[in-house]
Amino acid sequence: MNPLAKIPSNSNEALASHSRGQQMLSKVPEVTIYFWIIKIMATTVGETAADFLNFNLHWGLTNTTFIMAVLFLITLFFQFRAKKYVPGIYWLTVVLISVVGTLVTDNLVDNYGVALMTTTIIFGLAMLATFAAWYASEKTLSIHSIYTTKREAFYWLAILFTFALGTAAGDFIAEGLNLGYLNSALMFAAIIGVVTIAYYVFKMNAVLAFWIAYILTRPFGASLGDYLSQSRHAGGLGLGTMGTSAIFLVVILVMVIYLTKTKIDENSRLRSED
């Protein structure tokens, strides 16, 4: 439905109606295969880019955190200002929040000595509290209901905690429990596969399935990023943080350009009620 289809003849009423129509457009993409591919790559970049800026460029953890947080907040500002889903802005926000989420966990672990298991529990509880507050306020956790500023704020806060949790959980299992990067990635991939089967075969609730998969793709991406970038001596493939980040960023860029041109993941539904 075109929100401009029934604009009143009065110019002031027309302007108000136009504004309301724009605000009703969904702010997130349709959940397609492209969504999951870019999301997993963004989570991997979050892990490798944070390490590259921190260690390879010698920015240090504090400087890296400050710079990336500022860039993220600037991008998030434009995301909130947008009246509909814009692939370039949305996915840049996801990439940056992935990096920031990684840095939040790294700061707690490296600068303040908080154990990985403790950070996993903290961010797990924070994420659950965000979902509880979101549902109590809006009565839904569906990403297809992101039509208001409040819902979008809950959405991005939840995503921040999923990224921080994923980094902590991925590192805890791979390093703390000595499972290794590859085995950790395979384990999380297997669990995601189980959720996928539960959704398509056993009709698992769509919203629940989405968020479980979304949460699990973060530790999967973090473990995959470490496996690709770390040295062979450390149990990785030795591609390096710069090489891994560059490859994934180029693929993300190509896919976002494709989505921008084709608009195949554009969600043009209007909210029916609020």
C-alpha atoms as a PDB file:
ATOM      1  CA  MET A   1       0.000   0.000   0.000  1.00  0.00           C
ATOM      2  CA  ASN A   2       1.303   3.447  -0.898  1.00  0.00           C
ATOM      3  CA  PRO A   3       1.140   5.788   2.148  1.00  0.00           C
ATOM      4  CA  LEU A   4       0.794   8.756  -0.235  1.00  0.00           C
ATOM      5  CA  ALA A   5      -2.228   7.343  -2.028  1.00  0.00           C
ATOM      6  CA  LYS A   6      -4.822   9.309  -0.059  1.00  0.00           C
ATOM      7  CA  ILE A   7      -3.326  12.714   0.681  1.00  0.00           C
ATOM      8  CA  PRO A   8      -5.977  15.283   1.741  1.00  0.00           C
ATOM      9  CA  SER A   9      -6.468  18.326  -0.437  1.00  0.00           C
ATOM     10  CA  ASN A  10      -5.649  20.736   2.407  1.00  0.00           C
ATOM     11  CA  SER A  11      -1.893  21.333   2.296  1.00  0.00           C
ATOM     12  CA  ASN A  12      -1.345  21.205   6.083  1.00  0.00           C
ATOM     13  CA  GLU A  13      -3.353  18.023   6.425  1.00  0.00           C
ATOM     14  CA  ALA A  14      -1.522  16.582   3.437  1.00  0.00           C
ATOM     15  CA  LEU A  15       1.858  17.293   5.023  1.00  0.00           C
ATOM     16  CA  ALA A  16       0.799  15.720   8.320  1.00  0.00           C
ATOM     17  CA  SER A  17      -0.607  12.677   6.565  1.00  0.00           C
ATOM     18  CA  HIS A  18       2.558  12.314   4.493  1.00  0.00           C
ATOM     19  CA  SER A  19       4.706  12.448   7.653  1.00  0.00           C
ATOM     20  CA  ARG A  20       2.592   9.848   9.431  1.00  0.00           C
ATOM     21  CA  GLY A  21       2.752   7.561   6.422  1.00  0.00           C
ATOM     22  CA  GLN A  22       6.528   7.739   6.324  1.00  0.00           C
ATOM     23  CA  GLN A  23       6.778   6.982  10.052  1.00  0.00           C
ATOM     24  CA  MET A  24       4.648   3.870   9.592  1.00  0.00           C
ATOM     25  CA  LEU A  25       7.110   2.255   7.201  1.00  0.00           C
ATOM     26  CA  SER A  26       9.151  -0.584   8.677  1.00  0.00           C
ATOM     27  CA  LYS A  27      12.686   0.307   9.777  1.00  0.00           C
ATOM     28  CA  VAL A  28      14.175  -3.183   9.370  1.00  0.00           C
ATOM     29  CA  PRO A  29      14.590  -5.505   6.379  1.00  0.00           C
ATOM     30  CA  GLU A  30      12.633  -8.603   5.546  1.00  0.00           C
ATOM     31  CA  VAL A  31      14.269 -11.727   6.956  1.00  0.00           C
ATOM     32  CA  THR A  32      15.688 -13.368   3.848  1.00  0.00           C
ATOM     33  CA  ILE A  33      18.783 -15.451   3.144  1.00  0.00           C
ATOM     34  CA  TYR A  34      20.591 -12.175   2.458  1.00  0.00           C
ATOM     35  CA  PHE A  35      19.700 -10.979   5.950  1.00  0.00           C
ATOM     36  CA  TRP A  36      21.348 -13.986   7.590  1.00  0.00           C
ATOM     37  CA  ILE A  37      24.427 -13.980   5.347  1.00  0.00           C
ATOM     38  CA  ILE A  38      25.160 -10.301   5.984  1.00  0.00           C
ATOM     39  CA  LYS A  39      24.380 -10.657   9.680  1.00  0.00           C
ATOM     40  CA  ILE A  40      26.827 -13.541  10.146  1.00  0.00           C
ATOM     41  CA  MET A  41      29.508 -11.694   8.183  1.00  0.00           C
ATOM     42  CA  ALA A  42      28.886  -8.563  10.252  1.00  0.00           C
ATOM     43  CA  THR A  43      29.353 -10.542  13.465  1.00  0.00           C
ATOM     44  CA  THR A  44      32.618 -11.951  12.140  1.00  0.00           C
ATOM     45  CA  VAL A  45      33.826  -8.476  11.171  1.00  0.00           C
ATOM     46  CA  GLY A  46      32.893  -7.260  14.648  1.00  0.00           C
ATOM     47  CA  GLU A  47      35.353  -9.714  16.139  1.00  0.00           C
ATOM     48  CA  THR A  48      38.198  -9.337  13.646  1.00  0.00           C
ATOM     49  CA  ALA A  49      37.946  -5.574  13.065  1.00  0.00           C
ATOM     50  CA  ALA A  50      38.039  -4.862  16.795  1.00  0.00           C
ATOM     51  CA  ASP A  51      41.217  -6.939  17.129  1.00  0.00           C
ATOM     52  CA  PHE A  52      42.753  -5.349  14.013  1.00  0.00           C
ATOM     53  CA  LEU A  53      42.216  -1.790  15.224  1.00  0.00           C
ATOM     54  CA  ASN A  54      43.282  -2.617  18.750  1.00  0.00           C
ATOM     55  CA  PHE A  55      46.387  -4.711  18.102  1.00  0.00           C
ATOM     56  CA  ASN A  56      47.505  -4.322  14.486  1.00  0.00           C
ATOM     57  CA  LEU A  57      47.053  -0.555  14.280  1.00  0.00           C
ATOM     58  CA  HIS A  58      48.100  -0.143  17.912  1.00  0.00           C
ATOM     59  CA  TRP A  59      45.162   2.094  18.761  1.00  0.00           C
ATOM     60  CA  GLY A  60      44.765   0.399  22.108  1.00  0.00           C
ATOM     61  CA  LEU A  61      41.530  -0.899  23.572  1.00  0.00           C
ATOM     62  CA  THR A  62      40.424   2.409  25.106  1.00  0.00           C
ATOM     63  CA  ASN A  63      41.021   4.523  21.981  1.00  0.00           C
ATOM     64  CA  THR A  64      39.460   1.887  19.741  1.00  0.00           C
ATOM     65  CA  THR A  65      36.378   1.742  21.955  1.00  0.00           C
ATOM     66  CA  PHE A  66      35.977   5.530  22.014  1.00  0.00           C
ATOM     67  CA  ILE A  67      36.388   5.986  18.248  1.00  0.00           C
ATOM     68  CA  MET A  68      34.101   3.116  17.278  1.00  0.00           C
ATOM     69  CA  ALA A  69      31.476   4.148  19.831  1.00  0.00           C
ATOM     70  CA  VAL A  70      31.380   7.664  18.359  1.00  0.00           C
ATOM     71  CA  LEU A  71      31.072   6.301  14.810  1.00  0.00           C
ATOM     72  CA  PHE A  72      28.331   3.945  15.939  1.00  0.00           C
ATOM     73  CA  LEU A  73      26.337   6.707  17.663  1.00  0.00           C
ATOM     74  CA  ILE A  74      26.596   8.939  14.592  1.00  0.00           C
ATOM     75  CA  THR A  75      25.341   6.132  12.342  1.00  0.00           C
ATOM     76  CA  LEU A  76      22.610   5.212  14.833  1.00  0.00           C
ATOM     77  CA  PHE A  77      21.452   8.842  14.763  1.00  0.00           C
ATOM     78  CA  PHE A  78      20.930   8.635  10.999  1.00  0.00           C
ATOM     79  CA  GLN A  79      19.236   5.245  11.401  1.00  0.00           C
ATOM     80  CA  PHE A  80      16.703   6.770  13.796  1.00  0.00           C
ATOM     81  CA  ARG A  81      16.259   9.783  11.522  1.00  0.00           C
ATOM     82  CA  ALA A  82      15.425   7.601   8.524  1.00  0.00           C
ATOM     83  CA  LYS A  83      11.712   7.165   7.863  1.00  0.00           C
ATOM     84  CA  LYS A  84      12.070   3.702   6.399  1.00  0.00           C
ATOM     85  CA  TYR A  85      14.565   0.880   5.982  1.00  0.00           C
ATOM     86  CA  VAL A  86      17.679   2.085   4.136  1.00  0.00           C
ATOM     87  CA  PRO A  87      20.102  -0.825   3.473  1.00  0.00           C
ATOM     88  CA  GLY A  88      23.308   1.229   3.635  1.00  0.00           C
ATOM     89  CA  ILE A  89      22.467   2.922   6.925  1.00  0.00           C
ATOM     90  CA  TYR A  90      20.923  -0.158   8.537  1.00  0.00           C
ATOM     91  CA  TRP A  91      23.761  -2.558   7.769  1.00  0.00           C
ATOM     92  CA  LEU A  92      26.479  -0.032   8.616  1.00  0.00           C
ATOM     93  CA  THR A  93      24.781   0.305  12.002  1.00  0.00           C
ATOM     94  CA  VAL A  94      24.810  -3.479  12.407  1.00  0.00           C
ATOM     95  CA  VAL A  95      28.524  -3.712  11.530  1.00  0.00           C
ATOM     96  CA  LEU A  96      29.434  -0.917  13.952  1.00  0.00           C
ATOM     97  CA  ILE A  97      27.276  -2.231  16.789  1.00  0.00           C
ATOM     98  CA  SER A  98      28.971  -5.593  16.250  1.00  0.00           C
ATOM     99  CA  VAL A  99      32.381  -3.982  16.738  1.00  0.00           C
ATOM    100  CA  VAL A 100      31.186  -1.984  19.756  1.00  0.00           C
ATOM    101  CA  GLY A 101      29.586  -5.055  21.331  1.00  0.00           C
ATOM    102  CA  THR A 102      32.898  -6.891  21.006  1.00  0.00           C
ATOM    103  CA  LEU A 103      34.783  -3.972  22.535  1.00  0.00           C
ATOM    104  CA  VAL A 104      32.390  -3.737  25.495  1.00  0.00           C
ATOM    105  CA  THR A 105      33.155  -7.355  26.387  1.00  0.00           C
ATOM    106  CA  ASP A 106      36.889  -6.947  25.706  1.00  0.00           C
ATOM    107  CA  ASN A 107      37.012  -3.932  28.026  1.00  0.00           C
ATOM    108  CA  LEU A 108      35.396  -5.826  30.871  1.00  0.00           C
ATOM    109  CA  VAL A 109      37.672  -8.831  30.403  1.00  0.00           C
ATOM    110  CA  ASP A 110      41.003  -7.179  29.536  1.00  0.00           C
ATOM    111  CA  ASN A 111      40.812  -3.829  31.345  1.00  0.00           C
ATOM    112  CA  TYR A 112      38.793  -4.800  34.398  1.00  0.00           C
ATOM    113  CA  GLY A 113      39.617  -8.486  34.760  1.00  0.00           C
ATOM    114  CA  VAL A 114      36.017  -9.743  34.658  1.00  0.00           C
ATOM    115  CA  ALA A 115      35.914 -13.466  33.866  1.00  0.00           C
ATOM    116  CA  LEU A 116      34.410 -14.580  30.558  1.00  0.00           C
ATOM    117  CA  MET A 117      31.837 -16.732  32.338  1.00  0.00           C
ATOM    118  CA  THR A 118      30.787 -13.727  34.427  1.00  0.00           C
ATOM    119  CA  THR A 119      30.438 -11.459  31.383  1.00  0.00           C
ATOM    120  CA  THR A 120      28.418 -14.174  29.651  1.00  0.00           C
ATOM    121  CA  ILE A 121      26.000 -14.276  32.592  1.00  0.00           C
ATOM    122  CA  ILE A 122      25.840 -10.467  32.896  1.00  0.00           C
ATOM    123  CA  PHE A 123      25.048  -9.851  29.240  1.00  0.00           C
ATOM    124  CA  GLY A 124      22.680 -12.812  29.134  1.00  0.00           C
ATOM    125  CA  LEU A 125      20.666 -11.322  31.993  1.00  0.00           C
ATOM    126  CA  ALA A 126      20.828  -7.824  30.450  1.00  0.00           C
ATOM    127  CA  MET A 127      19.523  -9.199  27.159  1.00  0.00           C
ATOM    128  CA  LEU A 128      16.668 -11.064  28.858  1.00  0.00           C
ATOM    129  CA  ALA A 129      15.777  -7.940  30.870  1.00  0.00           C
ATOM    130  CA  THR A 130      15.649  -5.920  27.635  1.00  0.00           C
ATOM    131  CA  PHE A 131      13.351  -8.448  25.993  1.00  0.00           C
ATOM    132  CA  ALA A 132      11.128  -8.498  29.099  1.00  0.00           C
ATOM    133  CA  ALA A 133      10.858  -4.699  29.185  1.00  0.00           C
ATOM    134  CA  TRP A 134      10.247  -4.592  25.430  1.00  0.00           C
ATOM    135  CA  TYR A 135       7.446  -7.137  25.612  1.00  0.00           C
ATOM    136  CA  ALA A 136       5.892  -5.565  28.704  1.00  0.00           C
ATOM    137  CA  SER A 137       5.786  -2.208  26.913  1.00  0.00           C
ATOM    138  CA  GLU A 138       4.828  -3.266  23.374  1.00  0.00           C
ATOM    139  CA  LYS A 139       3.296  -6.756  23.755  1.00  0.00           C
ATOM    140  CA  THR A 140       5.415  -8.043  20.881  1.00  0.00           C
ATOM    141  CA  LEU A 141       9.053  -8.809  20.065  1.00  0.00           C
ATOM    142  CA  SER A 142       8.486  -9.161  16.338  1.00  0.00           C
ATOM    143  CA  ILE A 143      10.950  -7.231  14.191  1.00  0.00           C
ATOM    144  CA  HIS A 144       8.109  -6.646  11.743  1.00  0.00           C
ATOM    145  CA  SER A 145       6.621  -4.304  14.347  1.00  0.00           C
ATOM    146  CA  ILE A 146       9.506  -1.800  14.344  1.00  0.00           C
ATOM    147  CA  TYR A 147       7.396   1.223  13.409  1.00  0.00           C
ATOM    148  CA  THR A 148       8.019   3.564  16.371  1.00  0.00           C
ATOM    149  CA  THR A 149      11.047   5.159  17.978  1.00  0.00           C
ATOM    150  CA  LYS A 150      10.460   3.284  21.241  1.00  0.00           C
ATOM    151  CA  ARG A 151      10.360  -0.086  19.506  1.00  0.00           C
ATOM    152  CA  GLU A 152      13.445   0.734  17.506  1.00  0.00           C
ATOM    153  CA  ALA A 153      15.283   1.746  20.703  1.00  0.00           C
ATOM    154  CA  PHE A 154      14.399  -1.613  22.289  1.00  0.00           C
ATOM    155  CA  TYR A 155      15.486  -3.345  19.074  1.00  0.00           C
ATOM    156  CA  TRP A 156      18.974  -1.813  18.978  1.00  0.00           C
ATOM    157  CA  LEU A 157      19.520  -2.197  22.722  1.00  0.00           C
ATOM    158  CA  ALA A 158      18.656  -5.886  22.444  1.00  0.00           C
ATOM    159  CA  ILE A 159      21.034  -6.255  19.499  1.00  0.00           C
ATOM    160  CA  LEU A 160      23.859  -4.556  21.427  1.00  0.00           C
ATOM    161  CA  PHE A 161      23.486  -7.054  24.255  1.00  0.00           C
ATOM    162  CA  THR A 162      23.296 -10.011  21.828  1.00  0.00           C
ATOM    163  CA  PHE A 163      26.617  -8.931  20.308  1.00  0.00           C
ATOM    164  CA  ALA A 164      28.307  -8.411  23.676  1.00  0.00           C
ATOM    165  CA  LEU A 165      26.892 -11.732  24.900  1.00  0.00           C
ATOM    166  CA  GLY A 166      27.983 -13.525  21.742  1.00  0.00           C
ATOM    167  CA  THR A 167      31.562 -12.331  22.103  1.00  0.00           C
ATOM    168  CA  ALA A 168      31.690 -13.379  25.747  1.00  0.00           C
ATOM    169  CA  ALA A 169      30.022 -16.759  25.156  1.00  0.00           C
ATOM    170  CA  GLY A 170      32.073 -17.513  22.040  1.00  0.00           C
ATOM    171  CA  ASP A 171      35.384 -16.725  23.759  1.00  0.00           C
ATOM    172  CA  PHE A 172      34.332 -18.550  26.932  1.00  0.00           C
ATOM    173  CA  ILE A 173      33.528 -21.770  25.076  1.00  0.00           C
ATOM    174  CA  ALA A 174      36.444 -21.593  22.631  1.00  0.00           C
ATOM    175  CA  GLU A 175      39.119 -20.405  25.061  1.00  0.00           C
ATOM    176  CA  GLY A 176      37.765 -20.795  28.584  1.00  0.00           C
ATOM    177  CA  LEU A 177      36.550 -24.350  28.008  1.00  0.00           C
ATOM    178  CA  ASN A 178      39.359 -25.103  25.520  1.00  0.00           C
ATOM    179  CA  LEU A 179      36.940 -26.299  22.873  1.00  0.00           C
ATOM    180  CA  GLY A 180      38.812 -24.448  20.141  1.00  0.00           C
ATOM    181  CA  TYR A 181      37.576 -21.950  17.549  1.00  0.00           C
ATOM    182  CA  LEU A 182      36.555 -24.419  14.860  1.00  0.00           C
ATOM    183  CA  ASN A 183      34.754 -26.768  17.228  1.00  0.00           C
ATOM    184  CA  SER A 184      32.946 -23.819  18.817  1.00  0.00           C
ATOM    185  CA  ALA A 185      31.835 -22.534  15.418  1.00  0.00           C
ATOM    186  CA  LEU A 186      30.616 -25.996  14.412  1.00  0.00           C
ATOM    187  CA  MET A 187      28.744 -26.393  17.698  1.00  0.00           C
ATOM    188  CA  PHE A 188      26.901 -23.092  17.311  1.00  0.00           C
ATOM    189  CA  ALA A 189      26.191 -23.861  13.647  1.00  0.00           C
ATOM    190  CA  ALA A 190      24.668 -27.203  14.671  1.00  0.00           C
ATOM    191  CA  ILE A 191      22.405 -25.522  17.242  1.00  0.00           C
ATOM    192  CA  ILE A 192      21.297 -22.977  14.640  1.00  0.00           C
ATOM    193  CA  GLY A 193      20.525 -25.919  12.346  1.00  0.00           C
ATOM    194  CA  VAL A 194      18.364 -27.491  15.064  1.00  0.00           C
ATOM    195  CA  VAL A 195      16.433 -24.227  15.494  1.00  0.00           C
ATOM    196  CA  THR A 196      15.945 -24.005  11.723  1.00  0.00           C
ATOM    197  CA  ILE A 197      14.520 -27.548  11.630  1.00  0.00           C
ATOM    198  CA  ALA A 198      12.307 -26.782  14.628  1.00  0.00           C
ATOM    199  CA  TYR A 199      10.887 -23.769  12.810  1.00  0.00           C
ATOM    200  CA  TYR A 200      10.326 -25.275   9.356  1.00  0.00           C
ATOM    201  CA  VAL A 201       9.392 -28.834  10.364  1.00  0.00           C
ATOM    202  CA  PHE A 202       7.876 -28.559  13.826  1.00  0.00           C
ATOM    203  CA  LYS A 203       6.361 -25.061  13.403  1.00  0.00           C
ATOM    204  CA  MET A 204       8.303 -23.403  16.210  1.00  0.00           C
ATOM    205  CA  ASN A 205       7.075 -19.887  17.035  1.00  0.00           C
ATOM    206  CA  ALA A 206       8.517 -17.557  14.401  1.00  0.00           C
ATOM    207  CA  VAL A 207       9.502 -14.744  16.772  1.00  0.00           C
ATOM    208  CA  LEU A 208      11.156 -17.132  19.234  1.00  0.00           C
ATOM    209  CA  ALA A 209      12.995 -18.966  16.440  1.00  0.00           C
ATOM    210  CA  PHE A 210      14.231 -15.686  14.969  1.00  0.00           C
ATOM    211  CA  TRP A 211      15.704 -14.357  18.200  1.00  0.00           C
ATOM    212  CA  ILE A 212      17.329 -17.667  19.185  1.00  0.00           C
ATOM    213  CA  ALA A 213      18.956 -17.868  15.754  1.00  0.00           C
ATOM    214  CA  TYR A 214      19.929 -14.184  15.894  1.00  0.00           C
ATOM    215  CA  ILE A 215      21.577 -14.621  19.291  1.00  0.00           C
ATOM    216  CA  LEU A 216      23.424 -17.777  18.239  1.00  0.00           C
ATOM    217  CA  THR A 217      24.805 -16.295  15.021  1.00  0.00           C
ATOM    218  CA  ARG A 218      26.904 -13.907  17.139  1.00  0.00           C
ATOM    219  CA  PRO A 219      29.027 -16.524  18.968  1.00  0.00           C
ATOM    220  CA  PHE A 220      29.098 -18.500  15.718  1.00  0.00           C
ATOM    221  CA  GLY A 221      30.453 -15.466  13.857  1.00  0.00           C
ATOM    222  CA  ALA A 222      32.903 -14.650  16.649  1.00  0.00           C
ATOM    223  CA  SER A 223      34.280 -18.193  16.708  1.00  0.00           C
ATOM    224  CA  LEU A 224      34.440 -18.260  12.906  1.00  0.00           C
ATOM    225  CA  GLY A 225      36.263 -14.927  12.860  1.00  0.00           C
ATOM    226  CA  ASP A 226      38.827 -16.123  15.386  1.00  0.00           C
ATOM    227  CA  TYR A 227      39.299 -19.386  13.503  1.00  0.00           C
ATOM    228  CA  LEU A 228      39.947 -17.583  10.227  1.00  0.00           C
ATOM    229  CA  SER A 229      42.156 -14.836  11.638  1.00  0.00           C
ATOM    230  CA  GLN A 230      44.199 -16.460  14.397  1.00  0.00           C
ATOM    231  CA  SER A 231      47.552 -18.092  13.681  1.00  0.00           C
ATOM    232  CA  ARG A 232      47.808 -21.793  13.043  1.00  0.00           C
ATOM    233  CA  HIS A 233      49.740 -22.112  16.295  1.00  0.00           C
ATOM    234  CA  ALA A 234      46.695 -20.690  18.118  1.00  0.00           C
ATOM    235  CA  GLY A 235      44.317 -23.044  16.310  1.00  0.00           C
ATOM    236  CA  GLY A 236      43.280 -20.792  13.407  1.00  0.00           C
ATOM    237  CA  LEU A 237      43.850 -20.595   9.666  1.00  0.00           C
ATOM    238  CA  GLY A 238      46.223 -17.648   9.907  1.00  0.00           C
ATOM    239  CA  LEU A 239      44.413 -15.274   7.508  1.00  0.00           C
ATOM    240  CA  GLY A 240      44.964 -12.429   9.944  1.00  0.00           C
ATOM    241  CA  THR A 241      42.481  -9.869  11.266  1.00  0.00           C
ATOM    242  CA  MET A 242      43.108  -7.467   8.389  1.00  0.00           C
ATOM    243  CA  GLY A 243      42.647 -10.092   5.681  1.00  0.00           C
ATOM    244  CA  THR A 244      39.536 -11.580   7.264  1.00  0.00           C
ATOM    245  CA  SER A 245      37.957  -8.172   7.920  1.00  0.00           C
ATOM    246  CA  ALA A 246      38.706  -6.951   4.383  1.00  0.00           C
ATOM    247  CA  ILE A 247      37.242 -10.034   2.691  1.00  0.00           C
ATOM    248  CA  PHE A 248      34.032  -9.963   4.712  1.00  0.00           C
ATOM    249  CA  LEU A 249      33.582  -6.191   4.415  1.00  0.00           C
ATOM    250  CA  VAL A 250      33.898  -6.353   0.628  1.00  0.00           C
ATOM    251  CA  VAL A 251      31.275  -9.112   0.456  1.00  0.00           C
ATOM    252  CA  ILE A 252      28.960  -7.149   2.769  1.00  0.00           C
ATOM    253  CA  LEU A 253      29.393  -4.027   0.627  1.00  0.00           C
ATOM    254  CA  VAL A 254      28.589  -5.902  -2.585  1.00  0.00           C
ATOM    255  CA  MET A 255      25.473  -7.465  -1.058  1.00  0.00           C
ATOM    256  CA  VAL A 256      24.239  -4.160   0.392  1.00  0.00           C
ATOM    257  CA  ILE A 257      24.659  -2.476  -3.012  1.00  0.00           C
ATOM    258  CA  TYR A 258      22.699  -5.339  -4.566  1.00  0.00           C
ATOM    259  CA  LEU A 259      19.905  -5.005  -1.993  1.00  0.00           C
ATOM    260  CA  THR A 260      19.814  -1.236  -2.467  1.00  0.00           C
ATOM    261  CA  LYS A 261      19.340  -1.630  -6.203  1.00  0.00           C
ATOM    262  CA  THR A 262      16.887  -4.538  -6.181  1.00  0.00           C
ATOM    263  CA  LYS A 263      14.965  -3.612  -2.984  1.00  0.00           C
ATOM    264  CA  ILE A 264      14.142  -7.294  -2.568  1.00  0.00           C
ATOM    265  CA  ASP A 265      14.457  -7.124   1.210  1.00  0.00           C
ATOM    266  CA  GLU A 266      12.408  -3.963   1.622  1.00  0.00           C
ATOM    267  CA  ASN A 267       9.555  -4.320   4.083  1.00  0.00           C
ATOM    268  CA  SER A 268       6.837  -1.876   3.026  1.00  0.00           C
ATOM    269  CA  ARG A 269       4.152  -3.056   5.418  1.00  0.00           C
ATOM    270  CA  LEU A 270       2.315  -0.406   7.372  1.00  0.00           C
ATOM    271  CA  ARG A 271       1.423  -0.861  11.005  1.00  0.00           C
ATOM    272  CA  SER A 272      -2.205  -1.724  11.497  1.00  0.00           C
ATOM    273  CA  GLU A 273      -2.398  -0.460  15.058  1.00  0.00           C
ATOM    274  CA  ASP A 274      -0.342   0.973  17.901  1.00  0.00           C
END
